[in-house]
Structures are given as structure tokens and as C-alpha cells.
Amino acid sequence: MDRRPYDPDVIRESVLYPAMDRAGIKRQDRSHGFHIFRHSAGSILHNATRDAKLVQNTLGHSRVSTTLDIYVHVDPKAAEQGTELLAKEITASD
């Protein structure tokens, strides 16, 4: 062991991309690297807790706007549930 850091391109090509391929995750050039794990972690944690401050703290951002604008992605199922909830509230009779 020579204690030099691993070349991220080698790790990406020999570990990350084969794992994504085996998992059936489609990827495009330059769109998926190890940084995708931060986006995934932020989205998973936010979808589970709806706590933006918790996600901000976990990812180490100084601004919650960075967390929400860049790292938290809306789950399509959650978006559909939100639309259904809104429609239900609008059409509910008092």
C-alpha cells in the first residue's frame, strides 16, 4: 500500500459505474459520479422526515436554500400525493 489517494476516475469506472449498471440505474456521461450520493441522501432523508433543517445539518450546508434548491429532489409519488391532497382540499365541502 503506497498511501496515495485513489484516482476518482478509476474508482468511478471500476466500482461505481458497474454497480449502477448491475442495479439497472441508467446513467449519462458526466451526470453521475460519487456526488450523486449526496443528492440521494438529501432526498431520501427529506422524503422520510420532511425536516429541511435536519437535511441541511446532515449535508453540512450553511444555507437551507442550498439544501432545498440543489440537493433535495421531489419524489414523483410524493408530488402525486401532494396534488391529490390539494384537489381533495379544494373540493371538500364544509
N, C-alpha and C. Protein backbone atom coordinates (compact mmCIF):
# COMPACT_ATOMS: atom_id res chain seq x y z
N MET A 1 0.84 -1.18 0.00
CA MET A 1 0.00 0.00 0.00
C MET A 1 0.89 1.24 0.00
N ASP A 2 0.67 2.14 -0.94
CA ASP A 2 1.54 3.31 -1.06
C ASP A 2 0.94 4.57 -0.44
N ARG A 3 -0.25 4.46 0.13
CA ARG A 3 -0.94 5.55 0.85
C ARG A 3 -1.29 6.75 -0.03
N ARG A 4 -1.19 6.62 -1.33
CA ARG A 4 -1.64 7.69 -2.21
C ARG A 4 -3.15 7.59 -2.37
N PRO A 5 -3.85 8.71 -2.54
CA PRO A 5 -5.30 8.63 -2.73
C PRO A 5 -5.63 7.91 -4.04
N TYR A 6 -6.77 7.28 -4.04
CA TYR A 6 -7.24 6.62 -5.26
C TYR A 6 -7.63 7.66 -6.29
N ASP A 7 -7.42 7.33 -7.53
CA ASP A 7 -7.85 8.20 -8.62
C ASP A 7 -9.36 8.07 -8.74
N PRO A 8 -10.12 9.17 -8.56
CA PRO A 8 -11.58 9.07 -8.60
C PRO A 8 -12.11 8.55 -9.94
N ASP A 9 -11.41 8.82 -11.03
CA ASP A 9 -11.86 8.31 -12.33
C ASP A 9 -11.77 6.79 -12.38
N VAL A 10 -10.71 6.24 -11.80
CA VAL A 10 -10.56 4.79 -11.78
C VAL A 10 -11.64 4.16 -10.91
N ILE A 11 -11.90 4.74 -9.75
CA ILE A 11 -12.94 4.20 -8.86
C ILE A 11 -14.31 4.31 -9.52
N ARG A 12 -14.56 5.44 -10.16
CA ARG A 12 -15.85 5.64 -10.83
C ARG A 12 -16.05 4.57 -11.92
N GLU A 13 -15.02 4.34 -12.72
CA GLU A 13 -15.13 3.39 -13.82
C GLU A 13 -15.11 1.93 -13.37
N SER A 14 -14.38 1.63 -12.32
CA SER A 14 -14.24 0.23 -11.91
C SER A 14 -15.20 -0.20 -10.81
N VAL A 15 -15.77 0.76 -10.08
CA VAL A 15 -16.65 0.40 -8.96
C VAL A 15 -18.05 0.99 -9.13
N LEU A 16 -18.12 2.32 -9.22
CA LEU A 16 -19.44 2.99 -9.22
C LEU A 16 -20.26 2.62 -10.45
N TYR A 17 -19.71 2.80 -11.63
CA TYR A 17 -20.50 2.54 -12.84
C TYR A 17 -20.92 1.08 -12.98
N PRO A 18 -20.04 0.11 -12.70
CA PRO A 18 -20.51 -1.28 -12.76
C PRO A 18 -21.63 -1.57 -11.75
N ALA A 19 -21.54 -0.98 -10.56
CA ALA A 19 -22.60 -1.18 -9.56
C ALA A 19 -23.91 -0.57 -10.04
N MET A 20 -23.85 0.61 -10.63
CA MET A 20 -25.05 1.25 -11.16
C MET A 20 -25.64 0.41 -12.29
N ASP A 21 -24.77 -0.12 -13.15
CA ASP A 21 -25.24 -0.96 -14.26
C ASP A 21 -25.93 -2.21 -13.74
N ARG A 22 -25.34 -2.85 -12.73
CA ARG A 22 -25.96 -4.06 -12.15
C ARG A 22 -27.29 -3.74 -11.49
N ALA A 23 -27.41 -2.54 -10.93
CA ALA A 23 -28.65 -2.15 -10.26
C ALA A 23 -29.70 -1.64 -11.25
N GLY A 24 -29.32 -1.53 -12.52
CA GLY A 24 -30.26 -1.06 -13.53
C GLY A 24 -30.46 0.44 -13.52
N ILE A 25 -29.51 1.17 -12.96
CA ILE A 25 -29.60 2.63 -12.92
C ILE A 25 -29.02 3.18 -14.21
N LYS A 26 -29.85 3.89 -14.96
CA LYS A 26 -29.38 4.48 -16.22
C LYS A 26 -28.53 5.70 -15.89
N ARG A 27 -27.47 5.85 -16.64
CA ARG A 27 -26.59 6.99 -16.42
C ARG A 27 -26.20 7.61 -17.76
N GLN A 28 -25.82 8.87 -17.68
CA GLN A 28 -25.36 9.59 -18.85
C GLN A 28 -23.96 10.11 -18.55
N ASP A 29 -23.19 10.37 -19.59
CA ASP A 29 -21.85 10.90 -19.39
C ASP A 29 -21.89 12.16 -18.54
N ARG A 30 -20.99 12.22 -17.61
CA ARG A 30 -20.77 13.38 -16.74
C ARG A 30 -21.97 13.75 -15.88
N SER A 31 -22.97 12.88 -15.75
CA SER A 31 -24.12 13.22 -14.93
C SER A 31 -24.16 12.42 -13.63
N HIS A 32 -23.35 11.38 -13.53
CA HIS A 32 -23.36 10.56 -12.33
C HIS A 32 -21.94 10.29 -11.85
N GLY A 33 -21.64 10.77 -10.69
CA GLY A 33 -20.37 10.49 -10.03
C GLY A 33 -20.68 10.21 -8.58
N PHE A 34 -19.67 10.22 -7.76
CA PHE A 34 -19.89 9.94 -6.35
C PHE A 34 -20.74 11.02 -5.67
N HIS A 35 -20.76 12.20 -6.24
CA HIS A 35 -21.56 13.30 -5.66
C HIS A 35 -23.06 12.98 -5.69
N ILE A 36 -23.47 12.06 -6.55
CA ILE A 36 -24.88 11.69 -6.61
C ILE A 36 -25.36 11.13 -5.26
N PHE A 37 -24.43 10.58 -4.47
CA PHE A 37 -24.81 10.04 -3.17
C PHE A 37 -25.27 11.15 -2.22
N ARG A 38 -24.71 12.35 -2.36
CA ARG A 38 -25.17 13.48 -1.52
C ARG A 38 -26.59 13.88 -1.91
N HIS A 39 -26.86 13.91 -3.20
CA HIS A 39 -28.21 14.23 -3.66
C HIS A 39 -29.19 13.16 -3.20
N SER A 40 -28.80 11.91 -3.34
CA SER A 40 -29.68 10.81 -2.92
C SER A 40 -29.92 10.87 -1.42
N ALA A 41 -28.88 11.08 -0.64
CA ALA A 41 -29.03 11.15 0.81
C ALA A 41 -29.95 12.29 1.21
N GLY A 42 -29.77 13.44 0.60
CA GLY A 42 -30.63 14.58 0.92
C GLY A 42 -32.09 14.31 0.58
N SER A 43 -32.33 13.73 -0.57
CA SER A 43 -33.70 13.45 -0.99
C SER A 43 -34.34 12.37 -0.14
N ILE A 44 -33.60 11.30 0.14
CA ILE A 44 -34.14 10.21 0.96
C ILE A 44 -34.47 10.71 2.36
N LEU A 45 -33.56 11.45 2.95
CA LEU A 45 -33.79 11.95 4.31
C LEU A 45 -34.95 12.94 4.35
N HIS A 46 -35.04 13.81 3.36
CA HIS A 46 -36.14 14.77 3.34
C HIS A 46 -37.48 14.08 3.10
N ASN A 47 -37.52 13.11 2.19
CA ASN A 47 -38.77 12.38 1.94
C ASN A 47 -39.23 11.63 3.18
N ALA A 48 -38.29 11.13 3.98
CA ALA A 48 -38.64 10.36 5.18
C ALA A 48 -39.05 11.24 6.34
N THR A 49 -38.45 12.44 6.44
CA THR A 49 -38.69 13.26 7.64
C THR A 49 -39.39 14.58 7.36
N ARG A 50 -39.29 15.09 6.14
CA ARG A 50 -39.79 16.42 5.77
C ARG A 50 -39.14 17.52 6.62
N ASP A 51 -37.95 17.24 7.15
CA ASP A 51 -37.24 18.17 8.03
C ASP A 51 -36.05 18.77 7.27
N ALA A 52 -36.26 19.94 6.69
CA ALA A 52 -35.22 20.57 5.87
C ALA A 52 -33.99 20.94 6.70
N LYS A 53 -34.18 21.35 7.93
CA LYS A 53 -33.05 21.72 8.78
C LYS A 53 -32.19 20.48 9.11
N LEU A 54 -32.83 19.35 9.31
CA LEU A 54 -32.09 18.11 9.56
C LEU A 54 -31.23 17.75 8.35
N VAL A 55 -31.82 17.85 7.16
CA VAL A 55 -31.08 17.53 5.94
C VAL A 55 -29.94 18.53 5.76
N GLN A 56 -30.20 19.80 5.99
CA GLN A 56 -29.16 20.83 5.89
C GLN A 56 -27.99 20.49 6.81
N ASN A 57 -28.30 20.16 8.04
CA ASN A 57 -27.26 19.83 9.01
C ASN A 57 -26.50 18.57 8.60
N THR A 58 -27.20 17.56 8.15
CA THR A 58 -26.58 16.30 7.75
C THR A 58 -25.61 16.51 6.59
N LEU A 59 -26.01 17.32 5.62
CA LEU A 59 -25.16 17.56 4.45
C LEU A 59 -24.10 18.64 4.70
N GLY A 60 -24.23 19.35 5.82
CA GLY A 60 -23.23 20.35 6.18
C GLY A 60 -23.33 21.65 5.42
N HIS A 61 -24.52 22.01 4.99
CA HIS A 61 -24.70 23.27 4.27
C HIS A 61 -24.92 24.42 5.24
N SER A 62 -24.40 25.59 4.89
CA SER A 62 -24.62 26.76 5.74
C SER A 62 -25.98 27.41 5.47
N ARG A 63 -26.55 27.14 4.30
CA ARG A 63 -27.85 27.73 3.94
C ARG A 63 -28.83 26.63 3.58
N VAL A 64 -30.02 26.71 4.15
CA VAL A 64 -31.05 25.72 3.84
C VAL A 64 -31.49 25.84 2.39
N SER A 65 -31.34 27.02 1.81
CA SER A 65 -31.71 27.20 0.40
C SER A 65 -30.83 26.33 -0.51
N THR A 66 -29.56 26.18 -0.18
CA THR A 66 -28.68 25.30 -0.95
C THR A 66 -29.20 23.87 -0.88
N THR A 67 -29.55 23.45 0.32
CA THR A 67 -30.05 22.09 0.52
C THR A 67 -31.30 21.85 -0.30
N LEU A 68 -32.26 22.75 -0.19
CA LEU A 68 -33.55 22.54 -0.84
C LEU A 68 -33.50 22.80 -2.34
N ASP A 69 -32.75 23.79 -2.77
CA ASP A 69 -32.72 24.13 -4.20
C ASP A 69 -31.88 23.16 -5.03
N ILE A 70 -30.85 22.56 -4.42
CA ILE A 70 -29.91 21.76 -5.20
C ILE A 70 -29.95 20.27 -4.83
N TYR A 71 -30.07 19.96 -3.55
CA TYR A 71 -29.86 18.58 -3.11
C TYR A 71 -31.13 17.79 -2.83
N VAL A 72 -32.24 18.43 -2.61
CA VAL A 72 -33.49 17.72 -2.33
C VAL A 72 -34.32 17.68 -3.61
N HIS A 73 -34.62 16.48 -4.07
CA HIS A 73 -35.40 16.29 -5.29
C HIS A 73 -36.74 15.68 -4.92
N VAL A 74 -37.80 16.19 -5.50
CA VAL A 74 -39.14 15.73 -5.17
C VAL A 74 -39.38 14.34 -5.77
N ASP A 75 -39.80 13.43 -4.92
CA ASP A 75 -40.16 12.09 -5.35
C ASP A 75 -41.46 12.18 -6.14
N PRO A 76 -41.53 11.56 -7.32
CA PRO A 76 -42.76 11.64 -8.12
C PRO A 76 -44.01 11.17 -7.36
N LYS A 77 -43.87 10.16 -6.52
CA LYS A 77 -45.01 9.68 -5.74
C LYS A 77 -45.47 10.75 -4.74
N ALA A 78 -44.51 11.43 -4.11
CA ALA A 78 -44.85 12.49 -3.17
C ALA A 78 -45.53 13.65 -3.89
N ALA A 79 -45.06 13.97 -5.10
CA ALA A 79 -45.68 15.05 -5.88
C ALA A 79 -47.12 14.69 -6.23
N GLU A 80 -47.34 13.43 -6.60
CA GLU A 80 -48.69 12.97 -6.91
C GLU A 80 -49.59 13.03 -5.68
N GLN A 81 -49.07 12.63 -4.54
CA GLN A 81 -49.85 12.69 -3.30
C GLN A 81 -50.19 14.14 -2.95
N GLY A 82 -49.25 15.05 -3.19
CA GLY A 82 -49.50 16.46 -2.93
C GLY A 82 -50.61 17.01 -3.81
N THR A 83 -50.60 16.62 -5.07
CA THR A 83 -51.65 17.05 -6.00
C THR A 83 -53.00 16.51 -5.57
N GLU A 84 -53.03 15.24 -5.19
CA GLU A 84 -54.28 14.63 -4.73
C GLU A 84 -54.80 15.30 -3.46
N LEU A 85 -53.90 15.60 -2.53
CA LEU A 85 -54.30 16.27 -1.30
C LEU A 85 -54.87 17.65 -1.59
N LEU A 86 -54.22 18.38 -2.48
CA LEU A 86 -54.70 19.72 -2.84
C LEU A 86 -56.08 19.64 -3.48
N ALA A 87 -56.26 18.70 -4.41
CA ALA A 87 -57.56 18.53 -5.06
C ALA A 87 -58.62 18.18 -4.03
N LYS A 88 -58.29 17.33 -3.09
CA LYS A 88 -59.25 16.93 -2.05
C LYS A 88 -59.64 18.13 -1.19
N GLU A 89 -58.68 18.95 -0.84
CA GLU A 89 -58.94 20.14 -0.01
C GLU A 89 -59.79 21.15 -0.76
N ILE A 90 -59.52 21.32 -2.05
CA ILE A 90 -60.28 22.28 -2.85
C ILE A 90 -61.72 21.84 -3.02
N THR A 91 -61.93 20.56 -3.23
CA THR A 91 -63.28 20.06 -3.49
C THR A 91 -64.04 19.67 -2.24
N ALA A 92 -63.41 19.72 -1.07
CA ALA A 92 -64.10 19.35 0.17
C ALA A 92 -65.18 20.37 0.49
N SER A 93 -66.30 19.87 0.91
CA SER A 93 -67.39 20.78 1.30
C SER A 93 -67.36 20.95 2.80
N ASP A 94 -67.70 22.15 3.23
CA ASP A 94 -67.72 22.46 4.67
C ASP A 94 -68.99 22.01 5.32
